[in-house]
């Protein structure tokens, strides 16, 4: 099986394949020095802090972010959740609000990069959409091969 289950306490040791992701720049701006003034994280849904006098560091940090640890975890985390229709209408939750179990197909390792322990992540040629988003829905119960 090309996409094993990493839904266990050692996922950091076993989940070695990744893809760089950058839909827009900056995609995440959520590390900052303590401020005497209030900071706004609500407007961006937690992706980009806002406050007067903000100056972005010229070098981006690399981040490992796990959308889910297995196909079953993806279904539990995203497709079984209900989303507020008003929030979805405003564009919040994106593909997560449209996700159905039959749409979840994990990418083949040929489409990913290997991350060796202690190595630096390679941010070059990032994807602008997650693999889950650009996978067509297949009929429930089929075992479509990974793209």
N, C-alpha and C. Protein backbone atom coordinates (compact mmCIF):
# COMPACT_ATOMS: atom_id res chain seq x y z
N UNK A 1 0.85 -1.19 0.00
CA UNK A 1 0.00 0.00 0.00
C UNK A 1 0.89 1.24 0.00
N UNK A 2 0.62 2.16 -0.89
CA UNK A 2 1.49 3.34 -1.02
C UNK A 2 1.19 4.42 -0.01
N UNK A 3 0.02 4.42 0.56
CA UNK A 3 -0.29 5.45 1.55
C UNK A 3 -0.71 4.79 2.86
N UNK A 4 0.27 4.51 3.71
CA UNK A 4 -0.02 3.84 4.97
C UNK A 4 -0.70 4.75 5.98
N UNK A 5 -1.19 4.12 7.01
CA UNK A 5 -1.85 4.81 8.11
C UNK A 5 -0.78 5.35 9.06
N UNK A 6 -0.81 6.65 9.30
CA UNK A 6 0.14 7.27 10.24
C UNK A 6 -0.58 7.77 11.48
N UNK A 7 -1.77 7.28 11.70
CA UNK A 7 -2.59 7.73 12.83
C UNK A 7 -2.20 6.96 14.09
N UNK A 8 -1.02 7.31 14.60
CA UNK A 8 -0.48 6.71 15.82
C UNK A 8 0.47 7.72 16.47
N UNK A 9 0.94 7.43 17.63
CA UNK A 9 1.77 8.36 18.38
C UNK A 9 3.14 8.63 17.80
N UNK A 10 3.59 7.83 16.83
CA UNK A 10 4.91 8.02 16.23
C UNK A 10 4.82 8.57 14.80
N UNK A 11 3.72 9.24 14.46
CA UNK A 11 3.54 9.72 13.08
C UNK A 11 4.70 10.59 12.62
N UNK A 12 5.31 11.33 13.51
CA UNK A 12 6.42 12.20 13.12
C UNK A 12 7.60 11.38 12.61
N UNK A 13 7.77 10.16 13.11
CA UNK A 13 8.85 9.28 12.67
C UNK A 13 8.53 8.55 11.38
N UNK A 14 7.25 8.28 11.11
CA UNK A 14 6.89 7.47 9.96
C UNK A 14 6.36 8.25 8.77
N UNK A 15 5.86 9.44 9.00
CA UNK A 15 5.27 10.24 7.91
C UNK A 15 6.38 11.08 7.28
N UNK A 16 7.05 10.54 6.29
CA UNK A 16 8.24 11.16 5.72
C UNK A 16 8.02 11.83 4.37
N UNK A 17 6.85 11.72 3.79
CA UNK A 17 6.59 12.29 2.48
C UNK A 17 5.80 13.58 2.62
N UNK A 18 6.10 14.57 1.79
CA UNK A 18 5.45 15.88 1.89
C UNK A 18 5.41 16.57 0.55
N UNK A 19 4.69 17.68 0.50
CA UNK A 19 4.75 18.58 -0.64
C UNK A 19 4.74 20.01 -0.11
N UNK A 20 5.51 20.91 -0.73
CA UNK A 20 5.46 22.30 -0.31
C UNK A 20 4.13 22.91 -0.76
N UNK A 21 3.60 23.80 0.06
CA UNK A 21 2.29 24.38 -0.20
C UNK A 21 2.35 25.89 0.00
N UNK A 22 1.92 26.64 -0.99
CA UNK A 22 1.88 28.09 -0.89
C UNK A 22 0.82 28.62 -1.87
N UNK A 23 -0.44 28.69 -1.43
CA UNK A 23 -1.48 29.16 -2.35
C UNK A 23 -1.37 30.65 -2.66
N UNK A 24 -0.92 31.43 -1.67
CA UNK A 24 -0.69 32.86 -1.83
C UNK A 24 0.48 33.23 -0.92
N UNK A 25 1.08 34.37 -1.18
CA UNK A 25 2.18 34.80 -0.32
C UNK A 25 1.81 36.10 0.37
N UNK A 26 1.94 36.20 1.66
CA UNK A 26 2.27 35.10 2.57
C UNK A 26 1.03 34.27 2.88
N UNK A 27 1.21 32.98 2.99
CA UNK A 27 0.07 32.10 3.31
C UNK A 27 -0.21 32.11 4.80
N UNK A 28 0.83 32.06 5.58
CA UNK A 28 0.68 32.11 7.04
C UNK A 28 1.60 33.18 7.59
N UNK A 29 1.06 34.00 8.42
CA UNK A 29 1.84 35.05 9.07
C UNK A 29 1.36 35.08 10.52
N UNK A 30 1.81 34.08 11.27
CA UNK A 30 1.27 33.96 12.61
C UNK A 30 2.35 33.70 13.67
N UNK A 31 3.49 34.29 13.49
CA UNK A 31 4.53 34.34 14.51
C UNK A 31 4.96 35.79 14.61
N UNK A 32 4.95 36.34 15.83
CA UNK A 32 5.26 37.75 15.99
C UNK A 32 5.79 38.00 17.40
N UNK A 33 6.46 39.13 17.53
CA UNK A 33 6.91 39.56 18.86
C UNK A 33 5.71 40.05 19.65
N UNK A 34 5.79 39.91 20.96
CA UNK A 34 4.71 40.39 21.82
C UNK A 34 4.46 41.87 21.56
N UNK A 35 3.20 42.24 21.54
CA UNK A 35 2.80 43.61 21.26
C UNK A 35 2.09 44.21 22.48
N UNK A 36 2.24 45.50 22.64
CA UNK A 36 1.51 46.20 23.70
C UNK A 36 0.06 46.45 23.27
N UNK A 37 -0.16 46.38 21.98
CA UNK A 37 -1.50 46.61 21.43
C UNK A 37 -2.16 45.27 21.09
N UNK A 38 -3.45 45.31 20.87
CA UNK A 38 -4.18 44.11 20.49
C UNK A 38 -3.76 43.66 19.08
N UNK A 39 -3.73 42.37 18.86
CA UNK A 39 -3.45 41.83 17.53
C UNK A 39 -4.73 41.19 16.99
N UNK A 40 -4.88 41.21 15.68
CA UNK A 40 -6.07 40.66 15.03
C UNK A 40 -5.70 39.37 14.31
N UNK A 41 -6.22 38.26 14.78
CA UNK A 41 -6.07 36.98 14.08
C UNK A 41 -7.41 36.52 13.53
N UNK A 42 -8.49 37.14 13.95
CA UNK A 42 -9.83 36.71 13.57
C UNK A 42 -10.10 36.95 12.09
N UNK A 43 -9.73 38.11 11.60
CA UNK A 43 -10.04 38.49 10.22
C UNK A 43 -9.53 37.46 9.21
N UNK A 44 -8.37 36.89 9.47
CA UNK A 44 -7.77 35.94 8.53
C UNK A 44 -8.01 34.49 8.93
N UNK A 45 -8.82 34.26 9.93
CA UNK A 45 -9.04 32.89 10.39
C UNK A 45 -7.80 32.29 11.03
N UNK A 46 -6.93 33.13 11.55
CA UNK A 46 -5.73 32.65 12.21
C UNK A 46 -4.52 32.50 11.32
N UNK A 47 -4.66 32.82 10.04
CA UNK A 47 -3.55 32.65 9.10
C UNK A 47 -2.62 33.84 9.02
N UNK A 48 -3.10 35.02 9.31
CA UNK A 48 -2.25 36.21 9.18
C UNK A 48 -2.57 37.21 10.28
N UNK A 49 -1.61 37.40 11.15
CA UNK A 49 -1.77 38.38 12.22
C UNK A 49 -1.79 39.78 11.62
N UNK A 50 -2.54 40.66 12.25
CA UNK A 50 -2.58 42.06 11.83
C UNK A 50 -2.45 42.96 13.04
N UNK A 51 -1.60 43.97 12.92
CA UNK A 51 -1.49 45.01 13.94
C UNK A 51 -0.73 46.17 13.33
N UNK A 52 -0.91 47.34 13.90
CA UNK A 52 -0.25 48.55 13.39
C UNK A 52 1.26 48.40 13.47
N UNK A 53 1.95 48.79 12.42
CA UNK A 53 3.41 48.74 12.40
C UNK A 53 3.99 47.38 12.06
N UNK A 54 3.17 46.45 11.63
CA UNK A 54 3.65 45.11 11.28
C UNK A 54 4.71 45.17 10.18
N UNK A 55 5.83 44.52 10.41
CA UNK A 55 6.89 44.38 9.41
C UNK A 55 7.19 42.90 9.30
N UNK A 56 7.02 42.35 8.12
CA UNK A 56 7.25 40.92 7.92
C UNK A 56 8.74 40.64 7.77
N UNK A 57 9.20 39.59 8.41
CA UNK A 57 10.60 39.17 8.28
C UNK A 57 10.87 38.80 6.82
N UNK A 58 12.02 39.12 6.28
CA UNK A 58 12.28 38.87 4.86
C UNK A 58 12.47 37.39 4.50
N UNK A 59 12.68 36.54 5.49
CA UNK A 59 12.86 35.11 5.22
C UNK A 59 11.71 34.33 5.86
N UNK A 60 11.02 33.53 5.05
CA UNK A 60 9.91 32.74 5.56
C UNK A 60 10.41 31.51 6.31
N UNK A 61 9.66 31.13 7.32
CA UNK A 61 9.97 29.91 8.06
C UNK A 61 9.27 28.74 7.39
N UNK A 62 9.85 27.57 7.50
CA UNK A 62 9.24 26.36 6.93
C UNK A 62 8.45 25.68 8.04
N UNK A 63 7.31 25.12 7.67
CA UNK A 63 6.44 24.52 8.67
C UNK A 63 5.95 23.16 8.18
N UNK A 64 6.00 22.19 9.05
CA UNK A 64 5.35 20.91 8.77
C UNK A 64 3.93 21.04 9.29
N UNK A 65 2.98 20.75 8.44
CA UNK A 65 1.58 20.83 8.82
C UNK A 65 0.90 19.56 8.32
N UNK A 66 0.27 18.84 9.18
CA UNK A 66 -0.37 17.59 8.81
C UNK A 66 -1.88 17.81 8.72
N UNK A 67 -2.41 17.77 7.49
CA UNK A 67 -3.85 17.93 7.30
C UNK A 67 -4.60 16.79 7.98
N UNK A 68 -4.04 15.59 7.84
CA UNK A 68 -4.59 14.41 8.48
C UNK A 68 -3.53 13.33 8.42
N UNK A 69 -3.74 12.25 9.18
CA UNK A 69 -2.72 11.22 9.31
C UNK A 69 -3.06 9.92 8.58
N UNK A 70 -4.26 9.82 8.07
CA UNK A 70 -4.69 8.64 7.31
C UNK A 70 -5.99 9.01 6.61
N UNK A 71 -6.42 8.17 5.69
CA UNK A 71 -7.70 8.40 5.03
C UNK A 71 -8.85 8.43 6.03
N UNK A 72 -8.82 7.50 6.99
CA UNK A 72 -9.87 7.45 8.01
C UNK A 72 -9.85 8.72 8.88
N UNK A 73 -8.65 9.19 9.20
CA UNK A 73 -8.53 10.42 10.00
C UNK A 73 -9.08 11.62 9.21
N UNK A 74 -8.83 11.66 7.91
CA UNK A 74 -9.36 12.74 7.07
C UNK A 74 -10.88 12.75 7.10
N UNK A 75 -11.48 11.56 6.99
CA UNK A 75 -12.94 11.49 7.03
C UNK A 75 -13.47 11.95 8.38
N UNK A 76 -12.83 11.50 9.44
CA UNK A 76 -13.26 11.87 10.79
C UNK A 76 -13.12 13.38 11.02
N UNK A 77 -12.00 13.93 10.59
CA UNK A 77 -11.69 15.33 10.87
C UNK A 77 -12.47 16.31 10.00
N UNK A 78 -12.65 16.00 8.72
CA UNK A 78 -13.22 16.98 7.79
C UNK A 78 -14.60 16.63 7.24
N UNK A 79 -14.80 15.42 6.77
CA UNK A 79 -16.05 15.14 6.06
C UNK A 79 -17.23 14.87 6.97
N UNK A 80 -16.99 14.56 8.23
CA UNK A 80 -18.09 14.28 9.15
C UNK A 80 -18.48 15.51 9.98
N UNK A 81 -17.83 16.61 9.73
CA UNK A 81 -18.08 17.85 10.46
C UNK A 81 -19.17 18.65 9.75
N UNK A 82 -19.98 19.36 10.52
CA UNK A 82 -20.96 20.25 9.89
C UNK A 82 -20.42 21.67 9.98
N UNK A 83 -20.65 22.43 8.94
CA UNK A 83 -20.15 23.80 8.86
C UNK A 83 -21.31 24.77 8.80
N UNK A 84 -21.15 25.90 9.42
CA UNK A 84 -22.17 26.95 9.43
C UNK A 84 -22.34 27.47 8.00
N UNK A 85 -23.52 27.33 7.42
CA UNK A 85 -23.74 27.79 6.04
C UNK A 85 -23.40 29.26 5.82
N UNK A 86 -23.62 30.10 6.82
CA UNK A 86 -23.29 31.52 6.68
C UNK A 86 -21.78 31.71 6.54
N UNK A 87 -21.01 30.96 7.29
CA UNK A 87 -19.55 31.05 7.22
C UNK A 87 -19.07 30.51 5.87
N UNK A 88 -19.64 29.41 5.41
CA UNK A 88 -19.26 28.83 4.12
C UNK A 88 -19.57 29.82 3.01
N UNK A 89 -20.71 30.50 3.10
CA UNK A 89 -21.09 31.51 2.09
C UNK A 89 -20.09 32.65 2.05
N UNK A 90 -19.43 32.94 3.16
CA UNK A 90 -18.41 34.00 3.21
C UNK A 90 -17.06 33.50 2.71
N UNK A 91 -16.97 32.22 2.35
CA UNK A 91 -15.71 31.67 1.83
C UNK A 91 -14.86 30.96 2.87
N UNK A 92 -15.34 30.84 4.08
CA UNK A 92 -14.58 30.15 5.12
C UNK A 92 -14.70 28.64 4.94
N UNK A 93 -13.70 27.94 5.36
CA UNK A 93 -13.62 26.47 5.38
C UNK A 93 -13.30 25.87 4.00
N UNK A 94 -13.41 26.62 2.93
CA UNK A 94 -13.00 26.18 1.59
C UNK A 94 -13.41 24.76 1.25
N UNK A 95 -12.43 23.97 0.78
CA UNK A 95 -12.69 22.61 0.33
C UNK A 95 -13.18 21.71 1.46
N UNK A 96 -12.84 22.04 2.69
CA UNK A 96 -13.24 21.19 3.82
C UNK A 96 -14.76 21.08 3.92
N UNK A 97 -15.46 22.15 3.64
CA UNK A 97 -16.92 22.14 3.72
C UNK A 97 -17.55 21.32 2.60
N UNK A 98 -16.84 21.09 1.51
CA UNK A 98 -17.37 20.32 0.37
C UNK A 98 -16.89 18.87 0.37
N UNK A 99 -15.96 18.55 1.25
CA UNK A 99 -15.33 17.23 1.24
C UNK A 99 -16.30 16.13 1.64
N UNK A 100 -16.30 15.06 0.87
CA UNK A 100 -17.09 13.87 1.16
C UNK A 100 -16.13 12.68 1.19
N UNK A 101 -16.46 11.64 1.95
CA UNK A 101 -15.55 10.50 2.08
C UNK A 101 -15.06 9.93 0.74
N UNK A 102 -15.92 9.87 -0.24
CA UNK A 102 -15.52 9.29 -1.53
C UNK A 102 -14.51 10.15 -2.29
N UNK A 103 -14.31 11.38 -1.87
CA UNK A 103 -13.36 12.27 -2.52
C UNK A 103 -11.94 12.11 -1.97
N UNK A 104 -11.79 11.45 -0.85
CA UNK A 104 -10.49 11.36 -0.20
C UNK A 104 -9.65 10.29 -0.86
N UNK A 105 -8.62 10.72 -1.52
CA UNK A 105 -7.63 9.84 -2.14
C UNK A 105 -6.28 10.47 -1.86
N UNK A 106 -5.42 9.75 -1.20
CA UNK A 106 -4.12 10.30 -0.86
C UNK A 106 -3.19 10.21 -2.06
N UNK A 107 -2.28 11.15 -2.23
CA UNK A 107 -1.39 11.14 -3.40
C UNK A 107 -0.37 10.01 -3.33
N UNK A 108 0.03 9.55 -4.47
CA UNK A 108 1.08 8.54 -4.59
C UNK A 108 2.41 9.19 -4.21
N UNK A 109 3.31 8.43 -3.64
CA UNK A 109 4.60 8.97 -3.21
C UNK A 109 5.39 9.58 -4.37
N UNK A 110 5.12 9.18 -5.60
CA UNK A 110 5.80 9.77 -6.76
C UNK A 110 5.49 11.26 -6.89
N UNK A 111 4.38 11.71 -6.32
CA UNK A 111 3.99 13.11 -6.40
C UNK A 111 4.42 13.90 -5.16
N UNK A 112 5.18 13.26 -4.28
CA UNK A 112 5.59 13.88 -3.03
C UNK A 112 7.11 13.92 -2.94
N UNK A 113 7.61 14.57 -1.91
CA UNK A 113 9.05 14.64 -1.65
C UNK A 113 9.36 13.89 -0.36
N UNK A 114 10.50 13.25 -0.34
CA UNK A 114 10.92 12.52 0.85
C UNK A 114 11.62 13.46 1.81
N UNK A 115 11.29 13.37 3.08
CA UNK A 115 11.94 14.19 4.10
C UNK A 115 12.73 13.29 5.03
N UNK A 116 14.05 13.33 4.90
CA UNK A 116 14.93 12.53 5.75
C UNK A 116 15.03 13.19 7.12
N UNK A 117 15.20 12.39 8.18
CA UNK A 117 15.34 12.97 9.52
C UNK A 117 16.46 14.01 9.56
N UNK A 118 16.16 15.17 10.10
CA UNK A 118 17.15 16.23 10.24
C UNK A 118 17.37 17.07 9.00
N UNK A 119 16.78 16.68 7.88
CA UNK A 119 16.97 17.42 6.63
C UNK A 119 16.10 18.68 6.62
N UNK A 120 16.46 19.62 5.75
CA UNK A 120 15.69 20.84 5.58
C UNK A 120 14.59 20.59 4.56
N UNK A 121 13.41 21.13 4.79
CA UNK A 121 12.32 21.01 3.83
C UNK A 121 12.64 21.83 2.59
N UNK A 122 12.29 21.30 1.43
CA UNK A 122 12.52 21.99 0.16
C UNK A 122 11.25 22.74 -0.22
N UNK A 123 11.25 24.09 -0.17
CA UNK A 123 10.04 24.85 -0.47
C UNK A 123 9.84 25.17 -1.96
N UNK A 124 10.74 24.72 -2.81
CA UNK A 124 10.66 25.09 -4.22
C UNK A 124 9.43 24.48 -4.90
N UNK A 125 8.97 25.14 -5.93
CA UNK A 125 7.79 24.76 -6.71
C UNK A 125 6.65 24.26 -5.84
N UNK A 126 6.11 25.14 -5.00
CA UNK A 126 5.02 24.72 -4.12
C UNK A 126 3.70 24.52 -4.86
N UNK A 127 2.88 23.67 -4.33
CA UNK A 127 1.51 23.49 -4.83
C UNK A 127 0.68 24.67 -4.35
N UNK A 128 -0.34 25.02 -5.12
CA UNK A 128 -1.23 26.10 -4.72
C UNK A 128 -2.58 25.56 -4.24
N UNK A 129 -2.77 24.25 -4.35
CA UNK A 129 -3.98 23.59 -3.83
C UNK A 129 -3.54 22.25 -3.26
N UNK A 130 -4.23 21.82 -2.23
CA UNK A 130 -3.91 20.53 -1.64
C UNK A 130 -4.34 19.40 -2.58
N UNK A 131 -3.69 18.27 -2.49
CA UNK A 131 -4.03 17.11 -3.33
C UNK A 131 -5.49 16.73 -3.19
N UNK A 132 -6.03 16.85 -2.00
CA UNK A 132 -7.43 16.48 -1.77
C UNK A 132 -8.35 17.34 -2.63
N UNK A 133 -8.01 18.59 -2.81
CA UNK A 133 -8.85 19.53 -3.54
C UNK A 133 -8.92 19.20 -5.03
N UNK A 134 -7.79 18.79 -5.61
CA UNK A 134 -7.80 18.59 -7.06
C UNK A 134 -8.07 17.15 -7.47
N UNK A 135 -8.51 16.35 -6.55
CA UNK A 135 -8.89 14.98 -6.87
C UNK A 135 -10.37 14.95 -7.23
N UNK A 136 -10.73 14.37 -8.37
CA UNK A 136 -12.15 14.28 -8.70
C UNK A 136 -12.85 13.29 -7.77
N UNK A 137 -14.12 13.54 -7.54
CA UNK A 137 -14.89 12.60 -6.72
C UNK A 137 -15.08 11.31 -7.50
N UNK A 138 -14.99 10.20 -6.83
CA UNK A 138 -15.24 8.90 -7.45
C UNK A 138 -16.43 8.26 -6.76
N UNK A 139 -17.04 7.32 -7.41
CA UNK A 139 -18.21 6.68 -6.83
C UNK A 139 -17.87 6.00 -5.51
N UNK A 140 -18.73 6.12 -4.56
CA UNK A 140 -18.50 5.50 -3.25
C UNK A 140 -18.32 4.01 -3.41
N UNK A 141 -17.37 3.48 -2.69
CA UNK A 141 -17.13 2.04 -2.71
C UNK A 141 -16.13 1.60 -3.76
N UNK A 142 -15.71 2.49 -4.66
CA UNK A 142 -14.72 2.10 -5.65
C UNK A 142 -13.34 2.26 -5.07
N UNK A 143 -12.40 1.58 -5.63
CA UNK A 143 -11.02 1.67 -5.16
C UNK A 143 -10.20 2.26 -6.30
N UNK A 144 -10.44 3.53 -6.57
CA UNK A 144 -9.73 4.20 -7.66
C UNK A 144 -8.24 4.25 -7.36
N UNK A 145 -7.39 3.98 -8.36
CA UNK A 145 -5.94 4.03 -8.12
C UNK A 145 -5.50 5.46 -7.87
N UNK A 146 -4.43 5.63 -7.09
CA UNK A 146 -3.93 6.98 -6.84
C UNK A 146 -3.41 7.60 -8.13
N UNK A 147 -3.61 8.89 -8.28
CA UNK A 147 -3.13 9.58 -9.49
C UNK A 147 -1.64 9.79 -9.43
